[in-house]
Amino acid sequence: MDIDVRSQADVKIIKLRGRLNLGEPVDRLRGTFEDLLNSGAIRFVIDLGEVAMIDSSGIGLLVRCLTTAKQRAGSLKLLNPSKFAIQTLRMTGLLNLFETFEDQEQAVASFQ
């Protein structure tokens, strides 16, 4: 799992590549998210366009990240979720928890 973080306005854009599954990938994303929270970030866009696979641990982490951001008066939105990610979120009944976008500019602008 590769993780790249960049900022646009006060939004942290977290781009993931690879598999978001139990073990090192979930642990790395959790650590990255916690570091960003500790630096004061509360608005997040997670780009799932290059996530080939996501398991229940990855889904659980996304839900926890969303919940934590909302507890701090922020939010988390999904960008470019792959067909696999959409299917997994739909099967678990969690797709409606997340705002999803296909365009980064629209995702960032949605925080205004």
PDB file of N, CA and C in Angstrom:
ATOM      1  N   MET A   1       0.854  -1.173   0.000  1.00  0.00           N
ATOM      2  CA  MET A   1       0.000   0.000   0.000  1.00  0.00           C
ATOM      3  C   MET A   1       0.895   1.230   0.000  1.00  0.00           C
ATOM      4  N   ASP A   2       0.692   2.073  -0.981  1.00  0.00           N
ATOM      5  CA  ASP A   2       1.362   3.370  -1.028  1.00  0.00           C
ATOM      6  C   ASP A   2       0.364   4.427  -0.595  1.00  0.00           C
ATOM      7  N   ILE A   3       0.836   5.391   0.188  1.00  0.00           N
ATOM      8  CA  ILE A   3      -0.010   6.475   0.676  1.00  0.00           C
ATOM      9  C   ILE A   3       0.689   7.792   0.379  1.00  0.00           C
ATOM     10  N   ASP A   4       0.005   8.662  -0.348  1.00  0.00           N
ATOM     11  CA  ASP A   4       0.507  10.010  -0.611  1.00  0.00           C
ATOM     12  C   ASP A   4      -0.483  10.998  -0.024  1.00  0.00           C
ATOM     13  N   VAL A   5       0.030  12.003   0.682  1.00  0.00           N
ATOM     14  CA  VAL A   5      -0.829  13.022   1.281  1.00  0.00           C
ATOM     15  C   VAL A   5      -0.428  14.377   0.728  1.00  0.00           C
ATOM     16  N   ARG A   6      -1.417  15.126   0.321  1.00  0.00           N
ATOM     17  CA  ARG A   6      -1.168  16.511  -0.080  1.00  0.00           C
ATOM     18  C   ARG A   6      -2.320  17.356   0.430  1.00  0.00           C
ATOM     19  N   SER A   7      -2.125  18.655   0.409  1.00  0.00           N
ATOM     20  CA  SER A   7      -3.139  19.583   0.909  1.00  0.00           C
ATOM     21  C   SER A   7      -3.673  20.430  -0.225  1.00  0.00           C
ATOM     22  N   GLN A   8      -4.953  20.716  -0.140  1.00  0.00           N
ATOM     23  CA  GLN A   8      -5.590  21.683  -1.027  1.00  0.00           C
ATOM     24  C   GLN A   8      -6.529  22.489  -0.142  1.00  0.00           C
ATOM     25  N   ALA A   9      -6.219  23.772  -0.001  1.00  0.00           N
ATOM     26  CA  ALA A   9      -6.894  24.624   0.993  1.00  0.00           C
ATOM     27  C   ALA A   9      -6.671  23.964   2.350  1.00  0.00           C
ATOM     28  N   ASP A  10      -7.722  23.759   3.125  1.00  0.00           N
ATOM     29  CA  ASP A  10      -7.551  23.116   4.432  1.00  0.00           C
ATOM     30  C   ASP A  10      -7.987  21.653   4.404  1.00  0.00           C
ATOM     31  N   VAL A  11      -7.973  21.058   3.221  1.00  0.00           N
ATOM     32  CA  VAL A  11      -8.383  19.666   3.039  1.00  0.00           C
ATOM     33  C   VAL A  11      -7.143  18.808   2.786  1.00  0.00           C
ATOM     34  N   LYS A  12      -7.054  17.699   3.490  1.00  0.00           N
ATOM     35  CA  LYS A  12      -5.979  16.731   3.265  1.00  0.00           C
ATOM     36  C   LYS A  12      -6.485  15.680   2.286  1.00  0.00           C
ATOM     37  N   ILE A  13      -5.762  15.523   1.187  1.00  0.00           N
ATOM     38  CA  ILE A  13      -6.114  14.532   0.178  1.00  0.00           C
ATOM     39  C   ILE A  13      -5.161  13.356   0.348  1.00  0.00           C
ATOM     40  N   ILE A  14      -5.732  12.210   0.661  1.00  0.00           N
ATOM     41  CA  ILE A  14      -4.954  11.002   0.927  1.00  0.00           C
ATOM     42  C   ILE A  14      -5.174  10.049  -0.241  1.00  0.00           C
ATOM     43  N   LYS A  15      -4.138   9.851  -1.042  1.00  0.00           N
ATOM     44  CA  LYS A  15      -4.238   8.954  -2.200  1.00  0.00           C
ATOM     45  C   LYS A  15      -3.658   7.600  -1.824  1.00  0.00           C
ATOM     46  N   LEU A  16      -4.462   6.565  -2.026  1.00  0.00           N
ATOM     47  CA  LEU A  16      -4.046   5.203  -1.712  1.00  0.00           C
ATOM     48  C   LEU A  16      -3.816   4.429  -3.002  1.00  0.00           C
ATOM     49  N   ARG A  17      -2.794   3.566  -2.996  1.00  0.00           N
ATOM     50  CA  ARG A  17      -2.517   2.679  -4.129  1.00  0.00           C
ATOM     51  C   ARG A  17      -2.238   1.286  -3.584  1.00  0.00           C
ATOM     52  N   GLY A  18      -2.906   0.304  -4.162  1.00  0.00           N
ATOM     53  CA  GLY A  18      -2.667  -1.073  -3.744  1.00  0.00           C
ATOM     54  C   GLY A  18      -3.865  -1.677  -3.049  1.00  0.00           C
ATOM     55  N   ARG A  19      -3.581  -2.455  -2.019  1.00  0.00           N
ATOM     56  CA  ARG A  19      -4.630  -3.172  -1.296  1.00  0.00           C
ATOM     57  C   ARG A  19      -4.803  -2.556   0.088  1.00  0.00           C
ATOM     58  N   LEU A  20      -6.051  -2.342   0.470  1.00  0.00           N
ATOM     59  CA  LEU A  20      -6.358  -1.839   1.809  1.00  0.00           C
ATOM     60  C   LEU A  20      -6.954  -3.005   2.583  1.00  0.00           C
ATOM     61  N   ASN A  21      -6.068  -3.766   3.215  1.00  0.00           N
ATOM     62  CA  ASN A  21      -6.511  -4.963   3.914  1.00  0.00           C
ATOM     63  C   ASN A  21      -5.796  -5.099   5.255  1.00  0.00           C
ATOM     64  N   LEU A  22      -6.229  -6.106   6.002  1.00  0.00           N
ATOM     65  CA  LEU A  22      -5.723  -6.361   7.344  1.00  0.00           C
ATOM     66  C   LEU A  22      -4.201  -6.425   7.353  1.00  0.00           C
ATOM     67  N   GLY A  23      -3.624  -5.844   8.391  1.00  0.00           N
ATOM     68  CA  GLY A  23      -2.180  -5.878   8.551  1.00  0.00           C
ATOM     69  C   GLY A  23      -1.543  -4.538   8.248  1.00  0.00           C
ATOM     70  N   GLU A  24      -0.409  -4.598   7.599  1.00  0.00           N
ATOM     71  CA  GLU A  24       0.399  -3.404   7.345  1.00  0.00           C
ATOM     72  C   GLU A  24      -0.349  -2.295   6.600  1.00  0.00           C
ATOM     73  N   PRO A  25      -1.136  -2.595   5.558  1.00  0.00           N
ATOM     74  CA  PRO A  25      -1.827  -1.491   4.867  1.00  0.00           C
ATOM     75  C   PRO A  25      -2.787  -0.720   5.774  1.00  0.00           C
ATOM     76  N   VAL A  26      -3.599  -1.433   6.532  1.00  0.00           N
ATOM     77  CA  VAL A  26      -4.540  -0.764   7.445  1.00  0.00           C
ATOM     78  C   VAL A  26      -3.773  -0.022   8.533  1.00  0.00           C
ATOM     79  N   ASP A  27      -2.726  -0.636   9.058  1.00  0.00           N
ATOM     80  CA  ASP A  27      -1.925   0.015  10.103  1.00  0.00           C
ATOM     81  C   ASP A  27      -1.284   1.303   9.586  1.00  0.00           C
ATOM     82  N   ARG A  28      -0.784   1.281   8.357  1.00  0.00           N
ATOM     83  CA  ARG A  28      -0.152   2.487   7.783  1.00  0.00           C
ATOM     84  C   ARG A  28      -1.160   3.607   7.597  1.00  0.00           C
ATOM     85  N   LEU A  29      -2.344   3.273   7.075  1.00  0.00           N
ATOM     86  CA  LEU A  29      -3.358   4.308   6.884  1.00  0.00           C
ATOM     87  C   LEU A  29      -3.825   4.844   8.228  1.00  0.00           C
ATOM     88  N   ARG A  30      -4.006   3.980   9.203  1.00  0.00           N
ATOM     89  CA  ARG A  30      -4.416   4.430  10.538  1.00  0.00           C
ATOM     90  C   ARG A  30      -3.382   5.399  11.105  1.00  0.00           C
ATOM     91  N   GLY A  31      -2.110   5.055  10.996  1.00  0.00           N
ATOM     92  CA  GLY A  31      -1.049   5.925  11.498  1.00  0.00           C
ATOM     93  C   GLY A  31      -1.006   7.264  10.779  1.00  0.00           C
ATOM     94  N   THR A  32      -1.157   7.236   9.465  1.00  0.00           N
ATOM     95  CA  THR A  32      -1.178   8.478   8.681  1.00  0.00           C
ATOM     96  C   THR A  32      -2.340   9.354   9.105  1.00  0.00           C
ATOM     97  N   PHE A  33      -3.517   8.755   9.238  1.00  0.00           N
ATOM     98  CA  PHE A  33      -4.710   9.506   9.623  1.00  0.00           C
ATOM     99  C   PHE A  33      -4.541  10.111  11.019  1.00  0.00           C
ATOM    100  N   GLU A  34      -4.018   9.331  11.959  1.00  0.00           N
ATOM    101  CA  GLU A  34      -3.806   9.840  13.322  1.00  0.00           C
ATOM    102  C   GLU A  34      -2.802  10.987  13.325  1.00  0.00           C
ATOM    103  N   ASP A  35      -1.738  10.873  12.549  1.00  0.00           N
ATOM    104  CA  ASP A  35      -0.757  11.962  12.459  1.00  0.00           C
ATOM    105  C   ASP A  35      -1.404  13.237  11.928  1.00  0.00           C
ATOM    106  N   LEU A  36      -2.242  13.097  10.906  1.00  0.00           N
ATOM    107  CA  LEU A  36      -2.924  14.267  10.341  1.00  0.00           C
ATOM    108  C   LEU A  36      -3.890  14.882  11.350  1.00  0.00           C
ATOM    109  N   LEU A  37      -4.626  14.043  12.068  1.00  0.00           N
ATOM    110  CA  LEU A  37      -5.520  14.550  13.112  1.00  0.00           C
ATOM    111  C   LEU A  37      -4.732  15.297  14.179  1.00  0.00           C
ATOM    112  N   ASN A  38      -3.616  14.729  14.590  1.00  0.00           N
ATOM    113  CA  ASN A  38      -2.796  15.354  15.627  1.00  0.00           C
ATOM    114  C   ASN A  38      -2.204  16.682  15.170  1.00  0.00           C
ATOM    115  N   SER A  39      -2.081  16.870  13.857  1.00  0.00           N
ATOM    116  CA  SER A  39      -1.581  18.144  13.335  1.00  0.00           C
ATOM    117  C   SER A  39      -2.704  19.169  13.173  1.00  0.00           C
ATOM    118  N   GLY A  40      -3.936  18.765  13.495  1.00  0.00           N
ATOM    119  CA  GLY A  40      -5.068  19.688  13.445  1.00  0.00           C
ATOM    120  C   GLY A  40      -5.985  19.536  12.247  1.00  0.00           C
ATOM    121  N   ALA A  41      -5.688  18.620  11.349  1.00  0.00           N
ATOM    122  CA  ALA A  41      -6.542  18.412  10.173  1.00  0.00           C
ATOM    123  C   ALA A  41      -7.863  17.767  10.591  1.00  0.00           C
ATOM    124  N   ILE A  42      -8.956  18.212   9.956  1.00  0.00           N
ATOM    125  CA  ILE A  42     -10.269  17.608  10.225  1.00  0.00           C
ATOM    126  C   ILE A  42     -11.064  17.353   8.943  1.00  0.00           C
ATOM    127  N   ARG A  43     -10.553  17.801   7.813  1.00  0.00           N
ATOM    128  CA  ARG A  43     -11.239  17.610   6.533  1.00  0.00           C
ATOM    129  C   ARG A  43     -10.373  16.730   5.639  1.00  0.00           C
ATOM    130  N   PHE A  44     -10.970  15.635   5.184  1.00  0.00           N
ATOM    131  CA  PHE A  44     -10.201  14.632   4.453  1.00  0.00           C
ATOM    132  C   PHE A  44     -10.935  14.166   3.201  1.00  0.00           C
ATOM    133  N   VAL A  45     -10.170  13.942   2.147  1.00  0.00           N
ATOM    134  CA  VAL A  45     -10.640  13.254   0.950  1.00  0.00           C
ATOM    135  C   VAL A  45      -9.718  12.057   0.775  1.00  0.00           C
ATOM    136  N   ILE A  46     -10.298  10.870   0.719  1.00  0.00           N
ATOM    137  CA  ILE A  46      -9.498   9.673   0.489  1.00  0.00           C
ATOM    138  C   ILE A  46      -9.756   9.198  -0.933  1.00  0.00           C
ATOM    139  N   ASP A  47      -8.688   9.191  -1.728  1.00  0.00           N
ATOM    140  CA  ASP A  47      -8.759   8.792  -3.133  1.00  0.00           C
ATOM    141  C   ASP A  47      -8.544   7.282  -3.223  1.00  0.00           C
ATOM    142  N   LEU A  48      -9.615   6.576  -3.601  1.00  0.00           N
ATOM    143  CA  LEU A  48      -9.575   5.116  -3.703  1.00  0.00           C
ATOM    144  C   LEU A  48      -9.450   4.629  -5.142  1.00  0.00           C
ATOM    145  N   GLY A  49      -9.150   5.528  -6.062  1.00  0.00           N
ATOM    146  CA  GLY A  49      -9.114   5.182  -7.478  1.00  0.00           C
ATOM    147  C   GLY A  49      -8.137   4.081  -7.838  1.00  0.00           C
ATOM    148  N   GLU A  50      -7.072   3.928  -7.064  1.00  0.00           N
ATOM    149  CA  GLU A  50      -6.071   2.902  -7.362  1.00  0.00           C
ATOM    150  C   GLU A  50      -6.007   1.832  -6.280  1.00  0.00           C
ATOM    151  N   VAL A  51      -7.112   1.676  -5.554  1.00  0.00           N
ATOM    152  CA  VAL A  51      -7.197   0.607  -4.555  1.00  0.00           C
ATOM    153  C   VAL A  51      -7.788  -0.619  -5.243  1.00  0.00           C
ATOM    154  N   ALA A  52      -6.973  -1.652  -5.376  1.00  0.00           N
ATOM    155  CA  ALA A  52      -7.384  -2.857  -6.096  1.00  0.00           C
ATOM    156  C   ALA A  52      -8.286  -3.748  -5.257  1.00  0.00           C
ATOM    157  N   MET A  53      -8.141  -3.683  -3.941  1.00  0.00           N
ATOM    158  CA  MET A  53      -8.884  -4.571  -3.059  1.00  0.00           C
ATOM    159  C   MET A  53      -9.042  -3.904  -1.712  1.00  0.00           C
ATOM    160  N   ILE A  54     -10.201  -4.089  -1.099  1.00  0.00           N
ATOM    161  CA  ILE A  54     -10.439  -3.580   0.248  1.00  0.00           C
ATOM    162  C   ILE A  54     -11.213  -4.643   1.010  1.00  0.00           C
ATOM    163  N   ASP A  55     -10.737  -4.987   2.203  1.00  0.00           N
ATOM    164  CA  ASP A  55     -11.430  -6.008   2.990  1.00  0.00           C
ATOM    165  C   ASP A  55     -12.176  -5.358   4.153  1.00  0.00           C
ATOM    166  N   SER A  56     -12.744  -6.187   5.021  1.00  0.00           N
ATOM    167  CA  SER A  56     -13.553  -5.663   6.125  1.00  0.00           C
ATOM    168  C   SER A  56     -12.733  -4.795   7.073  1.00  0.00           C
ATOM    169  N   SER A  57     -11.454  -5.083   7.226  1.00  0.00           N
ATOM    170  CA  SER A  57     -10.600  -4.245   8.077  1.00  0.00           C
ATOM    171  C   SER A  57     -10.425  -2.863   7.467  1.00  0.00           C
ATOM    172  N   GLY A  58     -10.252  -2.807   6.160  1.00  0.00           N
ATOM    173  CA  GLY A  58     -10.137  -1.526   5.469  1.00  0.00           C
ATOM    174  C   GLY A  58     -11.423  -0.727   5.546  1.00  0.00           C
ATOM    175  N   ILE A  59     -12.559  -1.395   5.344  1.00  0.00           N
ATOM    176  CA  ILE A  59     -13.864  -0.730   5.456  1.00  0.00           C
ATOM    177  C   ILE A  59     -14.050  -0.204   6.872  1.00  0.00           C
ATOM    178  N   GLY A  60     -13.730  -1.044   7.853  1.00  0.00           N
ATOM    179  CA  GLY A  60     -13.867  -0.626   9.252  1.00  0.00           C
ATOM    180  C   GLY A  60     -13.026   0.595   9.565  1.00  0.00           C
ATOM    181  N   LEU A  61     -11.814   0.640   9.023  1.00  0.00           N
ATOM    182  CA  LEU A  61     -10.948   1.793   9.261  1.00  0.00           C
ATOM    183  C   LEU A  61     -11.527   3.049   8.615  1.00  0.00           C
ATOM    184  N   LEU A  62     -12.051   2.949   7.403  1.00  0.00           N
ATOM    185  CA  LEU A  62     -12.665   4.113   6.760  1.00  0.00           C
ATOM    186  C   LEU A  62     -13.826   4.648   7.592  1.00  0.00           C
ATOM    187  N   VAL A  63     -14.638   3.746   8.131  1.00  0.00           N
ATOM    188  CA  VAL A  63     -15.765   4.169   8.974  1.00  0.00           C
ATOM    189  C   VAL A  63     -15.251   4.843  10.243  1.00  0.00           C
ATOM    190  N   ARG A  64     -14.221   4.279  10.870  1.00  0.00           N
ATOM    191  CA  ARG A  64     -13.645   4.890  12.081  1.00  0.00           C
ATOM    192  C   ARG A  64     -13.055   6.264  11.777  1.00  0.00           C
ATOM    193  N   CYS A  65     -12.388   6.388  10.644  1.00  0.00           N
ATOM    194  CA  CYS A  65     -11.821   7.690  10.263  1.00  0.00           C
ATOM    195  C   CYS A  65     -12.928   8.718  10.051  1.00  0.00           C
ATOM    196  N   LEU A  66     -13.998   8.327   9.377  1.00  0.00           N
ATOM    197  CA  LEU A  66     -15.134   9.226   9.167  1.00  0.00           C
ATOM    198  C   LEU A  66     -15.731   9.647  10.501  1.00  0.00           C
ATOM    199  N   THR A  67     -15.958   8.694  11.384  1.00  0.00           N
ATOM    200  CA  THR A  67     -16.542   8.982  12.696  1.00  0.00           C
ATOM    201  C   THR A  67     -15.657   9.928  13.496  1.00  0.00           C
ATOM    202  N   THR A  68     -14.358   9.670  13.502  1.00  0.00           N
ATOM    203  CA  THR A  68     -13.424  10.515  14.243  1.00  0.00           C
ATOM    204  C   THR A  68     -13.402  11.928  13.675  1.00  0.00           C
ATOM    205  N   ALA A  69     -13.367  12.053  12.359  1.00  0.00           N
ATOM    206  CA  ALA A  69     -13.377  13.385  11.739  1.00  0.00           C
ATOM    207  C   ALA A  69     -14.649  14.140  12.116  1.00  0.00           C
ATOM    208  N   LYS A  70     -15.789  13.462  12.078  1.00  0.00           N
ATOM    209  CA  LYS A  70     -17.057  14.118  12.424  1.00  0.00           C
ATOM    210  C   LYS A  70     -17.093  14.530  13.892  1.00  0.00           C
ATOM    211  N   GLN A  71     -16.495  13.729  14.765  1.00  0.00           N
ATOM    212  CA  GLN A  71     -16.446  14.083  16.188  1.00  0.00           C
ATOM    213  C   GLN A  71     -15.650  15.359  16.413  1.00  0.00           C
ATOM    214  N   ARG A  72     -14.776  15.675  15.481  1.00  0.00           N
ATOM    215  CA  ARG A  72     -13.958  16.894  15.585  1.00  0.00           C
ATOM    216  C   ARG A  72     -14.488  18.011  14.683  1.00  0.00           C
ATOM    217  N   ALA A  73     -15.760  17.896  14.301  1.00  0.00           N
ATOM    218  CA  ALA A  73     -16.441  18.889  13.453  1.00  0.00           C
ATOM    219  C   ALA A  73     -15.878  18.927  12.035  1.00  0.00           C
ATOM    220  N   GLY A  74     -15.352  17.814  11.578  1.00  0.00           N
ATOM    221  CA  GLY A  74     -14.843  17.708  10.222  1.00  0.00           C
ATOM    222  C   GLY A  74     -15.612  16.668   9.441  1.00  0.00           C
ATOM    223  N   SER A  75     -14.980  16.138   8.406  1.00  0.00           N
ATOM    224  CA  SER A  75     -15.616  15.096   7.611  1.00  0.00           C
ATOM    225  C   SER A  75     -14.572  14.374   6.774  1.00  0.00           C
ATOM    226  N   LEU A  76     -15.012  13.289   6.176  1.00  0.00           N
ATOM    227  CA  LEU A  76     -14.174  12.490   5.297  1.00  0.00           C
ATOM    228  C   LEU A  76     -15.023  12.110   4.092  1.00  0.00           C
ATOM    229  N   LYS A  77     -14.486  12.307   2.909  1.00  0.00           N
ATOM    230  CA  LYS A  77     -15.206  12.003   1.680  1.00  0.00           C
ATOM    231  C   LYS A  77     -14.341  11.109   0.811  1.00  0.00           C
ATOM    232  N   LEU A  78     -14.989  10.322  -0.029  1.00  0.00           N
ATOM    233  CA  LEU A  78     -14.275   9.389  -0.886  1.00  0.00           C
ATOM    234  C   LEU A  78     -14.212   9.916  -2.311  1.00  0.00           C
ATOM    235  N   LEU A  79     -13.046   9.757  -2.915  1.00  0.00           N
ATOM    236  CA  LEU A  79     -12.808  10.196  -4.289  1.00  0.00           C
ATOM    237  C   LEU A  79     -12.493   8.981  -5.154  1.00  0.00           C
ATOM    238  N   ASN A  80     -13.104   8.928  -6.323  1.00  0.00           N
ATOM    239  CA  ASN A  80     -12.813   7.884  -7.312  1.00  0.00           C
ATOM    240  C   ASN A  80     -12.864   6.463  -6.765  1.00  0.00           C
ATOM    241  N   PRO A  81     -13.879   6.118  -5.978  1.00  0.00           N
ATOM    242  CA  PRO A  81     -13.894   4.736  -5.483  1.00  0.00           C
ATOM    243  C   PRO A  81     -13.974   3.760  -6.658  1.00  0.00           C
ATOM    244  N   SER A  82     -13.120   2.764  -6.637  1.00  0.00           N
ATOM    245  CA  SER A  82     -13.113   1.759  -7.698  1.00  0.00           C
ATOM    246  C   SER A  82     -14.415   0.965  -7.656  1.00  0.00           C
ATOM    247  N   LYS A  83     -14.683   0.239  -8.737  1.00  0.00           N
ATOM    248  CA  LYS A  83     -15.883  -0.602  -8.760  1.00  0.00           C
ATOM    249  C   LYS A  83     -15.861  -1.579  -7.596  1.00  0.00           C
ATOM    250  N   PHE A  84     -14.687  -2.132  -7.319  1.00  0.00           N
ATOM    251  CA  PHE A  84     -14.570  -3.084  -6.213  1.00  0.00           C
ATOM    252  C   PHE A  84     -14.909  -2.417  -4.885  1.00  0.00           C
ATOM    253  N   ALA A  85     -14.391  -1.203  -4.662  1.00  0.00           N
ATOM    254  CA  ALA A  85     -14.671  -0.493  -3.410  1.00  0.00           C
ATOM    255  C   ALA A  85     -16.159  -0.177  -3.289  1.00  0.00           C
ATOM    256  N   ILE A  86     -16.777   0.275  -4.382  1.00  0.00           N
ATOM    257  CA  ILE A  86     -18.214   0.571  -4.367  1.00  0.00           C
ATOM    258  C   ILE A  86     -19.006  -0.691  -4.045  1.00  0.00           C
ATOM    259  N   GLN A  87     -18.669  -1.795  -4.700  1.00  0.00           N
ATOM    260  CA  GLN A  87     -19.384  -3.052  -4.454  1.00  0.00           C
ATOM    261  C   GLN A  87     -19.229  -3.498  -3.009  1.00  0.00           C
ATOM    262  N   THR A  88     -18.031  -3.382  -2.471  1.00  0.00           N
ATOM    263  CA  THR A  88     -17.789  -3.795  -1.090  1.00  0.00           C
ATOM    264  C   THR A  88     -18.570  -2.920  -0.120  1.00  0.00           C
ATOM    265  N   LEU A  89     -18.541  -1.614  -0.327  1.00  0.00           N
ATOM    266  CA  LEU A  89     -19.297  -0.702   0.543  1.00  0.00           C
ATOM    267  C   LEU A  89     -20.801  -0.946   0.415  1.00  0.00           C
ATOM    268  N   ARG A  90     -21.267  -1.218  -0.792  1.00  0.00           N
ATOM    269  CA  ARG A  90     -22.690  -1.483  -1.006  1.00  0.00           C
ATOM    270  C   ARG A  90     -23.094  -2.793  -0.314  1.00  0.00           C
ATOM    271  N   MET A  91     -22.285  -3.840  -0.462  1.00  0.00           N
ATOM    272  CA  MET A  91     -22.603  -5.141   0.146  1.00  0.00           C
ATOM    273  C   MET A  91     -22.670  -5.050   1.665  1.00  0.00           C
ATOM    274  N   THR A  92     -21.844  -4.196   2.243  1.00  0.00           N
ATOM    275  CA  THR A  92     -21.835  -4.055   3.699  1.00  0.00           C
ATOM    276  C   THR A  92     -22.879  -3.059   4.190  1.00  0.00           C
ATOM    277  N   GLY A  93     -23.578  -2.411   3.266  1.00  0.00           N
ATOM    278  CA  GLY A  93     -24.599  -1.437   3.642  1.00  0.00           C
ATOM    279  C   GLY A  93     -24.026  -0.115   4.116  1.00  0.00           C
ATOM    280  N   LEU A  94     -22.765   0.150   3.804  1.00  0.00           N
ATOM    281  CA  LEU A  94     -22.096   1.350   4.312  1.00  0.00           C
ATOM    282  C   LEU A  94     -21.873   2.427   3.253  1.00  0.00           C
ATOM    283  N   LEU A  95     -22.249   2.158   2.020  1.00  0.00           N
ATOM    284  CA  LEU A  95     -22.002   3.133   0.958  1.00  0.00           C
ATOM    285  C   LEU A  95     -22.672   4.466   1.249  1.00  0.00           C
ATOM    286  N   ASN A  96     -23.872   4.421   1.834  1.00  0.00           N
ATOM    287  CA  ASN A  96     -24.605   5.668   2.090  1.00  0.00           C
ATOM    288  C   ASN A  96     -24.009   6.505   3.220  1.00  0.00           C
ATOM    289  N   LEU A  97     -23.048   5.979   3.955  1.00  0.00           N
ATOM    290  CA  LEU A  97     -22.382   6.760   5.005  1.00  0.00           C
ATOM    291  C   LEU A  97     -21.452   7.821   4.422  1.00  0.00           C
ATOM    292  N   PHE A  98     -20.939   7.555   3.234  1.00  0.00           N
ATOM    293  CA  PHE A  98     -19.891   8.389   2.650  1.00  0.00           C
ATOM    294  C   PHE A  98     -20.414   9.208   1.482  1.00  0.00           C
ATOM    295  N   GLU A  99     -19.974  10.458   1.421  1.00  0.00           N
ATOM    296  CA  GLU A  99     -20.153  11.230   0.197  1.00  0.00           C
ATOM    297  C   GLU A  99     -19.046  10.787  -0.743  1.00  0.00           C
ATOM    298  N   THR A 100     -19.414  10.496  -1.980  1.00  0.00           N
ATOM    299  CA  THR A 100     -18.414  10.063  -2.955  1.00  0.00           C
ATOM    300  C   THR A 100     -18.389  11.027  -4.136  1.00  0.00           C
ATOM    301  N   PHE A 101     -17.208  11.189  -4.690  1.00  0.00           N
ATOM    302  CA  PHE A 101     -16.989  12.122  -5.793  1.00  0.00           C
ATOM    303  C   PHE A 101     -16.092  11.476  -6.831  1.00  0.00           C
ATOM    304  N   GLU A 102     -16.262  11.890  -8.077  1.00  0.00           N
ATOM    305  CA  GLU A 102     -15.379  11.454  -9.155  1.00  0.00           C
ATOM    306  C   GLU A 102     -14.406  12.550  -9.550  1.00  0.00           C
ATOM    307  N   ASP A 103     -14.595  13.747  -9.016  1.00  0.00           N
ATOM    308  CA  ASP A 103     -13.768  14.896  -9.362  1.00  0.00           C
ATOM    309  C   ASP A 103     -13.175  15.500  -8.085  1.00  0.00           C
ATOM    310  N   GLN A 104     -11.854  15.631  -8.051  1.00  0.00           N
ATOM    311  CA  GLN A 104     -11.185  16.139  -6.852  1.00  0.00           C
ATOM    312  C   GLN A 104     -11.622  17.554  -6.512  1.00  0.00           C
ATOM    313  N   GLU A 105     -11.746  18.404  -7.501  1.00  0.00           N
ATOM    314  CA  GLU A 105     -12.143  19.794  -7.235  1.00  0.00           C
ATOM    315  C   GLU A 105     -13.522  19.856  -6.586  1.00  0.00           C
ATOM    316  N   GLN A 106     -14.447  19.031  -7.069  1.00  0.00           N
ATOM    317  CA  GLN A 106     -15.784  18.994  -6.478  1.00  0.00           C
ATOM    318  C   GLN A 106     -15.736  18.462  -5.052  1.00  0.00           C
ATOM    319  N   ALA A 107     -14.907  17.457  -4.824  1.00  0.00           N
ATOM    320  CA  ALA A 107     -14.786  16.899  -3.476  1.00  0.00           C
ATOM    321  C   ALA A 107     -14.275  17.958  -2.503  1.00  0.00           C
ATOM    322  N   VAL A 108     -13.247  18.688  -2.889  1.00  0.00           N
ATOM    323  CA  VAL A 108     -12.682  19.728  -2.025  1.00  0.00           C
ATOM    324  C   VAL A 108     -13.686  20.860  -1.833  1.00  0.00           C
ATOM    325  N   ALA A 109     -14.337  21.284  -2.917  1.00  0.00           N
ATOM    326  CA  ALA A 109     -15.310  22.382  -2.836  1.00  0.00           C
ATOM    327  C   ALA A 109     -16.506  22.024  -1.960  1.00  0.00           C
ATOM    328  N   SER A 110     -16.809  20.744  -1.828  1.00  0.00           N
ATOM    329  CA  SER A 110     -17.975  20.329  -1.038  1.00  0.00           C
ATOM    330  C   SER A 110     -17.822  20.637   0.450  1.00  0.00           C
ATOM    331  N   PHE A 111     -16.624  20.938   0.894  1.00  0.00           N
ATOM    332  CA  PHE A 111     -16.406  21.278   2.301  1.00  0.00           C
ATOM    333  C   PHE A 111     -16.803  22.715   2.609  1.00  0.00           C
ATOM    334  N   GLN A 112     -16.979  23.547   1.603  1.00  0.00           N
ATOM    335  CA  GLN A 112     -17.288  24.965   1.828  1.00  0.00           C
ATOM    336  C   GLN A 112     -18.722  25.166   2.261  1.00  0.00           C
TER     337      GLN A 112
END
